[in-house]
N, C-alpha and C. Protein backbone atom coordinates (compact mmCIF):
# COMPACT_ATOMS: atom_id res chain seq x y z
N MET A 1 0.85 -1.17 0.00
CA MET A 1 0.00 0.00 0.00
C MET A 1 0.89 1.23 0.00
N ASP A 2 0.67 2.12 -0.97
CA ASP A 2 1.50 3.30 -1.12
C ASP A 2 0.70 4.53 -0.71
N PHE A 3 1.17 5.22 0.32
CA PHE A 3 0.48 6.40 0.81
C PHE A 3 1.31 7.65 0.54
N THR A 4 1.96 7.74 -0.64
CA THR A 4 2.82 8.87 -0.93
C THR A 4 2.03 10.16 -1.15
N GLU A 5 0.82 10.08 -1.68
CA GLU A 5 0.01 11.28 -1.85
C GLU A 5 -0.60 11.65 -0.51
N ARG A 6 -0.50 12.90 -0.14
CA ARG A 6 -1.04 13.37 1.13
C ARG A 6 -2.40 14.00 0.91
N SER A 7 -3.30 13.72 1.83
CA SER A 7 -4.63 14.27 1.74
C SER A 7 -5.26 14.23 3.12
N ALA A 8 -6.17 15.15 3.34
CA ALA A 8 -6.94 15.11 4.58
C ALA A 8 -7.93 13.95 4.55
N TYR A 9 -8.31 13.54 3.33
CA TYR A 9 -9.28 12.45 3.19
C TYR A 9 -8.57 11.12 3.38
N PRO A 10 -9.09 10.25 4.22
CA PRO A 10 -8.45 8.94 4.46
C PRO A 10 -8.40 8.07 3.21
N HIS A 11 -7.36 7.25 3.12
CA HIS A 11 -7.22 6.31 2.02
C HIS A 11 -8.34 5.26 2.13
N PRO A 12 -8.86 4.77 1.01
CA PRO A 12 -9.94 3.77 1.05
C PRO A 12 -9.61 2.53 1.88
N GLU A 13 -8.35 2.14 1.93
CA GLU A 13 -7.95 0.99 2.75
C GLU A 13 -8.28 1.21 4.22
N GLU A 14 -8.25 2.47 4.66
CA GLU A 14 -8.57 2.77 6.05
C GLU A 14 -10.05 2.52 6.35
N PHE A 15 -10.92 2.75 5.38
CA PHE A 15 -12.34 2.49 5.57
C PHE A 15 -12.61 0.99 5.65
N LYS A 16 -11.80 0.18 4.95
CA LYS A 16 -12.00 -1.27 4.94
C LYS A 16 -11.85 -1.89 6.32
N VAL A 17 -11.01 -1.29 7.17
CA VAL A 17 -10.75 -1.89 8.49
C VAL A 17 -11.68 -1.36 9.57
N MET A 18 -12.51 -0.40 9.25
CA MET A 18 -13.44 0.16 10.24
C MET A 18 -14.73 -0.65 10.27
N ARG A 19 -15.33 -0.72 11.43
CA ARG A 19 -16.61 -1.42 11.58
C ARG A 19 -17.74 -0.46 11.23
N PRO A 20 -18.61 -0.86 10.32
CA PRO A 20 -19.72 0.02 9.94
C PRO A 20 -20.84 0.03 10.98
N GLU A 21 -21.61 1.07 10.92
CA GLU A 21 -22.88 1.12 11.68
C GLU A 21 -23.96 0.81 10.66
N TYR A 22 -24.88 -0.08 11.03
CA TYR A 22 -25.93 -0.51 10.10
C TYR A 22 -27.28 0.04 10.52
N VAL A 23 -28.09 0.38 9.52
CA VAL A 23 -29.46 0.81 9.74
C VAL A 23 -30.34 0.00 8.80
N ASP A 24 -31.38 -0.63 9.35
CA ASP A 24 -32.37 -1.33 8.55
C ASP A 24 -33.32 -0.27 7.99
N LEU A 25 -33.30 -0.07 6.69
CA LEU A 25 -34.10 0.99 6.08
C LEU A 25 -35.57 0.62 5.92
N GLU A 26 -35.92 -0.60 6.29
CA GLU A 26 -37.30 -1.09 6.29
C GLU A 26 -37.96 -1.10 4.92
N ASP A 27 -37.16 -0.96 3.88
CA ASP A 27 -37.69 -1.11 2.52
C ASP A 27 -36.99 -2.27 1.82
N GLY A 28 -36.44 -3.17 2.65
CA GLY A 28 -35.72 -4.31 2.12
C GLY A 28 -34.24 -4.06 1.96
N PHE A 29 -33.78 -2.87 2.35
CA PHE A 29 -32.38 -2.52 2.20
C PHE A 29 -31.74 -2.23 3.55
N TRP A 30 -30.42 -2.40 3.59
CA TRP A 30 -29.60 -2.02 4.74
C TRP A 30 -28.70 -0.88 4.31
N GLN A 31 -28.41 0.00 5.24
CA GLN A 31 -27.44 1.06 4.99
C GLN A 31 -26.28 0.88 5.94
N ALA A 32 -25.08 0.92 5.39
CA ALA A 32 -23.86 0.84 6.21
C ALA A 32 -23.20 2.21 6.17
N SER A 33 -22.82 2.71 7.33
CA SER A 33 -22.09 3.98 7.43
C SER A 33 -20.76 3.70 8.08
N ILE A 34 -19.69 4.18 7.44
CA ILE A 34 -18.35 4.04 7.99
C ILE A 34 -17.81 5.45 8.19
N THR A 35 -17.40 5.75 9.42
CA THR A 35 -16.95 7.09 9.76
C THR A 35 -15.49 7.07 10.18
N ILE A 36 -14.73 7.94 9.56
CA ILE A 36 -13.39 8.28 10.02
C ILE A 36 -13.46 9.80 10.15
N THR A 37 -13.68 10.25 11.35
CA THR A 37 -13.98 11.66 11.63
C THR A 37 -12.99 12.58 10.93
N PRO A 38 -13.47 13.57 10.24
CA PRO A 38 -14.86 14.02 10.05
C PRO A 38 -15.52 13.46 8.80
N PHE A 39 -14.95 12.41 8.19
CA PHE A 39 -15.46 11.87 6.94
C PHE A 39 -16.36 10.66 7.18
N LYS A 40 -17.40 10.57 6.34
CA LYS A 40 -18.36 9.47 6.48
C LYS A 40 -18.78 9.03 5.09
N VAL A 41 -18.80 7.71 4.89
CA VAL A 41 -19.31 7.16 3.63
C VAL A 41 -20.45 6.22 3.96
N THR A 42 -21.39 6.11 3.03
CA THR A 42 -22.52 5.20 3.23
C THR A 42 -22.72 4.36 1.98
N GLY A 43 -23.32 3.20 2.18
CA GLY A 43 -23.69 2.32 1.09
C GLY A 43 -24.97 1.61 1.42
N ARG A 44 -25.75 1.26 0.40
CA ARG A 44 -27.02 0.55 0.58
C ARG A 44 -26.98 -0.75 -0.19
N SER A 45 -27.62 -1.74 0.39
CA SER A 45 -27.73 -3.02 -0.29
C SER A 45 -28.82 -3.85 0.39
N VAL A 46 -29.17 -4.95 -0.25
CA VAL A 46 -30.20 -5.82 0.31
C VAL A 46 -29.67 -6.65 1.48
N THR A 47 -28.35 -6.68 1.67
CA THR A 47 -27.76 -7.39 2.81
C THR A 47 -26.79 -6.47 3.54
N MET A 48 -26.50 -6.80 4.79
CA MET A 48 -25.54 -6.01 5.55
C MET A 48 -24.14 -6.07 4.93
N PRO A 49 -23.62 -7.26 4.56
CA PRO A 49 -22.30 -7.29 3.93
C PRO A 49 -22.25 -6.51 2.61
N GLY A 50 -23.34 -6.58 1.86
CA GLY A 50 -23.41 -5.84 0.61
C GLY A 50 -23.37 -4.33 0.85
N ALA A 51 -24.05 -3.88 1.91
CA ALA A 51 -24.05 -2.45 2.25
C ALA A 51 -22.64 -2.00 2.62
N ARG A 52 -21.91 -2.85 3.34
CA ARG A 52 -20.53 -2.52 3.70
C ARG A 52 -19.66 -2.42 2.44
N ARG A 53 -19.81 -3.37 1.53
CA ARG A 53 -19.04 -3.34 0.29
C ARG A 53 -19.36 -2.09 -0.52
N ALA A 54 -20.62 -1.68 -0.54
CA ALA A 54 -21.03 -0.47 -1.26
C ALA A 54 -20.41 0.77 -0.62
N ALA A 55 -20.34 0.81 0.69
CA ALA A 55 -19.75 1.95 1.40
C ALA A 55 -18.25 2.05 1.10
N VAL A 56 -17.56 0.92 1.10
CA VAL A 56 -16.12 0.92 0.81
C VAL A 56 -15.88 1.37 -0.64
N TYR A 57 -16.74 0.93 -1.56
CA TYR A 57 -16.62 1.37 -2.95
C TYR A 57 -16.84 2.88 -3.04
N GLU A 58 -17.78 3.39 -2.29
CA GLU A 58 -18.06 4.83 -2.26
C GLU A 58 -16.84 5.59 -1.73
N ALA A 59 -16.15 5.03 -0.74
CA ALA A 59 -14.94 5.65 -0.20
C ALA A 59 -13.87 5.77 -1.29
N SER A 60 -13.74 4.74 -2.12
CA SER A 60 -12.77 4.78 -3.22
C SER A 60 -13.12 5.87 -4.23
N LYS A 61 -14.40 5.98 -4.57
CA LYS A 61 -14.82 7.01 -5.52
C LYS A 61 -14.59 8.41 -4.95
N THR A 62 -14.86 8.59 -3.67
CA THR A 62 -14.65 9.89 -3.05
C THR A 62 -13.16 10.23 -2.99
N TYR A 63 -12.34 9.24 -2.65
CA TYR A 63 -10.89 9.46 -2.60
C TYR A 63 -10.37 9.90 -3.97
N ARG A 64 -10.93 9.31 -5.03
CA ARG A 64 -10.52 9.68 -6.38
C ARG A 64 -10.85 11.14 -6.67
N SER A 65 -11.91 11.68 -6.09
CA SER A 65 -12.24 13.08 -6.32
C SER A 65 -11.18 14.00 -5.71
N TYR A 66 -10.49 13.53 -4.68
CA TYR A 66 -9.39 14.29 -4.08
C TYR A 66 -8.07 14.02 -4.80
N HIS A 67 -7.91 12.83 -5.35
CA HIS A 67 -6.69 12.40 -6.04
C HIS A 67 -7.06 11.82 -7.40
N PRO A 68 -7.14 12.67 -8.43
CA PRO A 68 -7.58 12.19 -9.76
C PRO A 68 -6.73 11.06 -10.34
N SER A 69 -5.49 10.90 -9.89
CA SER A 69 -4.65 9.83 -10.42
C SER A 69 -4.95 8.48 -9.77
N TYR A 70 -5.74 8.48 -8.70
CA TYR A 70 -6.09 7.23 -8.01
C TYR A 70 -7.03 6.42 -8.89
N ARG A 71 -6.73 5.14 -9.05
CA ARG A 71 -7.56 4.25 -9.87
C ARG A 71 -8.52 3.48 -8.97
N VAL A 72 -9.80 3.66 -9.18
CA VAL A 72 -10.82 2.94 -8.42
C VAL A 72 -10.90 1.53 -8.99
N ASP A 73 -10.66 0.54 -8.15
CA ASP A 73 -10.69 -0.85 -8.59
C ASP A 73 -12.13 -1.33 -8.74
N ASN A 74 -12.38 -2.03 -9.83
CA ASN A 74 -13.68 -2.65 -10.06
C ASN A 74 -13.79 -3.84 -9.09
N PRO A 75 -14.84 -3.88 -8.28
CA PRO A 75 -14.98 -4.99 -7.33
C PRO A 75 -15.39 -6.32 -7.98
N TYR A 76 -15.59 -6.31 -9.29
CA TYR A 76 -16.05 -7.51 -9.99
C TYR A 76 -15.08 -7.90 -11.10
N PRO A 77 -14.99 -9.21 -11.41
CA PRO A 77 -14.19 -9.64 -12.56
C PRO A 77 -14.88 -9.24 -13.87
N ALA A 78 -14.15 -9.34 -14.98
CA ALA A 78 -14.69 -8.96 -16.29
C ALA A 78 -15.88 -9.83 -16.70
N GLU A 79 -15.84 -11.10 -16.34
CA GLU A 79 -16.96 -12.00 -16.63
C GLU A 79 -17.05 -13.00 -15.49
N PHE A 80 -18.28 -13.21 -15.02
CA PHE A 80 -18.45 -14.13 -13.89
C PHE A 80 -19.89 -14.59 -13.80
N THR A 81 -20.09 -15.63 -13.01
CA THR A 81 -21.42 -16.14 -12.68
C THR A 81 -21.65 -15.85 -11.21
N ASP A 82 -22.84 -15.34 -10.88
CA ASP A 82 -23.12 -15.03 -9.48
C ASP A 82 -23.70 -16.25 -8.76
N GLN A 83 -24.05 -16.06 -7.50
CA GLN A 83 -24.52 -17.16 -6.67
C GLN A 83 -25.89 -17.68 -7.08
N ASP A 84 -26.61 -16.92 -7.91
CA ASP A 84 -27.91 -17.36 -8.41
C ASP A 84 -27.81 -17.98 -9.80
N GLY A 85 -26.59 -18.11 -10.33
CA GLY A 85 -26.40 -18.69 -11.65
C GLY A 85 -26.47 -17.69 -12.79
N GLN A 86 -26.64 -16.43 -12.47
CA GLN A 86 -26.70 -15.36 -13.48
C GLN A 86 -25.29 -15.08 -14.01
N THR A 87 -25.15 -14.95 -15.33
CA THR A 87 -23.86 -14.62 -15.93
C THR A 87 -23.78 -13.12 -16.18
N TRP A 88 -22.66 -12.53 -15.80
CA TRP A 88 -22.43 -11.10 -15.93
C TRP A 88 -21.22 -10.89 -16.83
N ARG A 89 -21.27 -9.86 -17.67
CA ARG A 89 -20.17 -9.56 -18.59
C ARG A 89 -19.91 -8.05 -18.58
N ALA A 90 -18.64 -7.67 -18.33
CA ALA A 90 -18.27 -6.26 -18.32
C ALA A 90 -18.35 -5.69 -19.73
N LEU A 91 -18.84 -4.48 -19.82
CA LEU A 91 -18.92 -3.79 -21.10
C LEU A 91 -17.67 -2.92 -21.28
N THR A 92 -17.36 -2.61 -22.51
CA THR A 92 -16.20 -1.77 -22.79
C THR A 92 -16.59 -0.63 -23.72
N GLY A 93 -15.75 0.38 -23.75
CA GLY A 93 -15.88 1.48 -24.70
C GLY A 93 -17.23 2.15 -24.75
N LEU A 94 -17.72 2.30 -25.97
CA LEU A 94 -18.98 3.00 -26.22
C LEU A 94 -20.17 2.30 -25.56
N MET A 95 -20.14 0.97 -25.54
CA MET A 95 -21.24 0.23 -24.88
C MET A 95 -21.33 0.63 -23.40
N ARG A 96 -20.18 0.78 -22.75
CA ARG A 96 -20.15 1.15 -21.34
C ARG A 96 -20.70 2.56 -21.13
N GLU A 97 -20.32 3.47 -22.02
CA GLU A 97 -20.80 4.85 -21.91
C GLU A 97 -22.31 4.94 -22.08
N LYS A 98 -22.86 4.13 -22.99
CA LYS A 98 -24.29 4.19 -23.28
C LYS A 98 -25.14 3.39 -22.30
N ASN A 99 -24.63 2.24 -21.82
CA ASN A 99 -25.49 1.29 -21.11
C ASN A 99 -25.15 1.04 -19.65
N GLY A 100 -23.94 1.28 -19.23
CA GLY A 100 -23.55 0.96 -17.86
C GLY A 100 -22.31 0.08 -17.85
N ASP A 101 -22.05 -0.55 -16.73
CA ASP A 101 -20.81 -1.29 -16.56
C ASP A 101 -20.90 -2.77 -16.96
N TYR A 102 -22.06 -3.40 -16.77
CA TYR A 102 -22.19 -4.84 -17.00
C TYR A 102 -23.48 -5.17 -17.75
N ALA A 103 -23.43 -6.28 -18.50
CA ALA A 103 -24.60 -6.82 -19.19
C ALA A 103 -24.96 -8.14 -18.52
N PHE A 104 -26.26 -8.43 -18.49
CA PHE A 104 -26.77 -9.70 -17.97
C PHE A 104 -28.08 -10.00 -18.67
N THR A 105 -28.57 -11.21 -18.53
CA THR A 105 -29.84 -11.60 -19.13
C THR A 105 -30.90 -11.57 -18.03
N ASP A 106 -31.97 -10.80 -18.26
CA ASP A 106 -33.01 -10.67 -17.23
C ASP A 106 -33.93 -11.89 -17.21
N ALA A 107 -34.92 -11.86 -16.34
CA ALA A 107 -35.83 -13.00 -16.15
C ALA A 107 -36.64 -13.31 -17.41
N ASP A 108 -36.82 -12.33 -18.29
CA ASP A 108 -37.57 -12.54 -19.53
C ASP A 108 -36.68 -13.02 -20.68
N GLY A 109 -35.40 -13.23 -20.40
CA GLY A 109 -34.47 -13.69 -21.43
C GLY A 109 -33.90 -12.57 -22.28
N GLU A 110 -34.17 -11.32 -21.90
CA GLU A 110 -33.66 -10.16 -22.64
C GLU A 110 -32.34 -9.69 -22.03
N GLU A 111 -31.43 -9.22 -22.88
CA GLU A 111 -30.19 -8.66 -22.36
C GLU A 111 -30.49 -7.31 -21.71
N ASP A 112 -29.95 -7.11 -20.53
CA ASP A 112 -30.15 -5.87 -19.80
C ASP A 112 -28.79 -5.38 -19.31
N PHE A 113 -28.75 -4.15 -18.83
CA PHE A 113 -27.49 -3.53 -18.43
C PHE A 113 -27.65 -2.86 -17.07
N THR A 114 -26.55 -2.74 -16.37
CA THR A 114 -26.57 -2.06 -15.08
C THR A 114 -25.17 -1.55 -14.76
N ASP A 115 -25.10 -0.72 -13.72
CA ASP A 115 -23.80 -0.21 -13.30
C ASP A 115 -23.35 -0.88 -12.00
N ILE A 116 -22.11 -0.65 -11.64
CA ILE A 116 -21.52 -1.29 -10.47
C ILE A 116 -22.29 -0.92 -9.20
N GLU A 117 -22.71 0.32 -9.07
CA GLU A 117 -23.44 0.74 -7.87
C GLU A 117 -24.72 -0.06 -7.68
N GLN A 118 -25.44 -0.31 -8.78
CA GLN A 118 -26.67 -1.09 -8.69
C GLN A 118 -26.37 -2.54 -8.34
N MET A 119 -25.28 -3.08 -8.90
CA MET A 119 -24.89 -4.45 -8.58
C MET A 119 -24.56 -4.59 -7.09
N LEU A 120 -23.88 -3.59 -6.55
CA LEU A 120 -23.59 -3.61 -5.11
C LEU A 120 -24.88 -3.51 -4.31
N SER A 121 -25.82 -2.72 -4.79
CA SER A 121 -27.11 -2.58 -4.12
C SER A 121 -27.87 -3.91 -4.10
N TRP A 122 -27.76 -4.67 -5.19
CA TRP A 122 -28.39 -5.99 -5.27
C TRP A 122 -27.58 -7.06 -4.56
N ASP A 123 -26.39 -6.71 -4.09
CA ASP A 123 -25.43 -7.63 -3.46
C ASP A 123 -25.07 -8.79 -4.38
N VAL A 124 -24.75 -8.45 -5.62
CA VAL A 124 -24.27 -9.45 -6.58
C VAL A 124 -22.88 -9.87 -6.15
N ARG A 125 -22.66 -11.18 -6.05
CA ARG A 125 -21.34 -11.71 -5.68
C ARG A 125 -20.98 -12.86 -6.59
N PRO A 126 -19.73 -12.84 -7.11
CA PRO A 126 -19.29 -13.96 -7.95
C PRO A 126 -19.22 -15.25 -7.13
N VAL A 127 -19.49 -16.36 -7.79
CA VAL A 127 -19.33 -17.67 -7.16
C VAL A 127 -17.84 -17.91 -7.01
N GLU A 128 -17.45 -18.35 -5.83
CA GLU A 128 -16.05 -18.69 -5.60
C GLU A 128 -15.78 -20.03 -6.27
N GLU A 129 -14.83 -20.03 -7.19
CA GLU A 129 -14.53 -21.27 -7.91
C GLU A 129 -13.56 -22.11 -7.08
N ALA A 130 -13.86 -23.41 -6.96
CA ALA A 130 -12.99 -24.33 -6.22
C ALA A 130 -11.73 -24.59 -7.03
N GLU A 131 -10.63 -24.65 -6.33
CA GLU A 131 -9.35 -24.88 -7.03
C GLU A 131 -9.11 -26.36 -7.22
């Protein structure tokens, strides 16, 4: 971990080690808040772990606004199958600009698109492949 750039805003790695505070939003979603005073990030998802992952991703995006050279890592592989058997494929170039970050097939068999933030909200997780 390289902390050569100085900023008042904490590095995203620092948010990863903090324990979030959770709020049940009563609409089927959880909100995770991670605070490193005076900074706070929040994330929403259908599960508590998903909300935490969304908050950490939000910390990375915010850090990038302070340090434009910082590269926000995609929390998902380029192509994967999730725990429900859904296949996801990362989009590139113009497709990404027009449609979002990933393509998938919806329940009606139609190709649909979404962005990383929505995937985190749905708590999409790749299946861990056995070695």
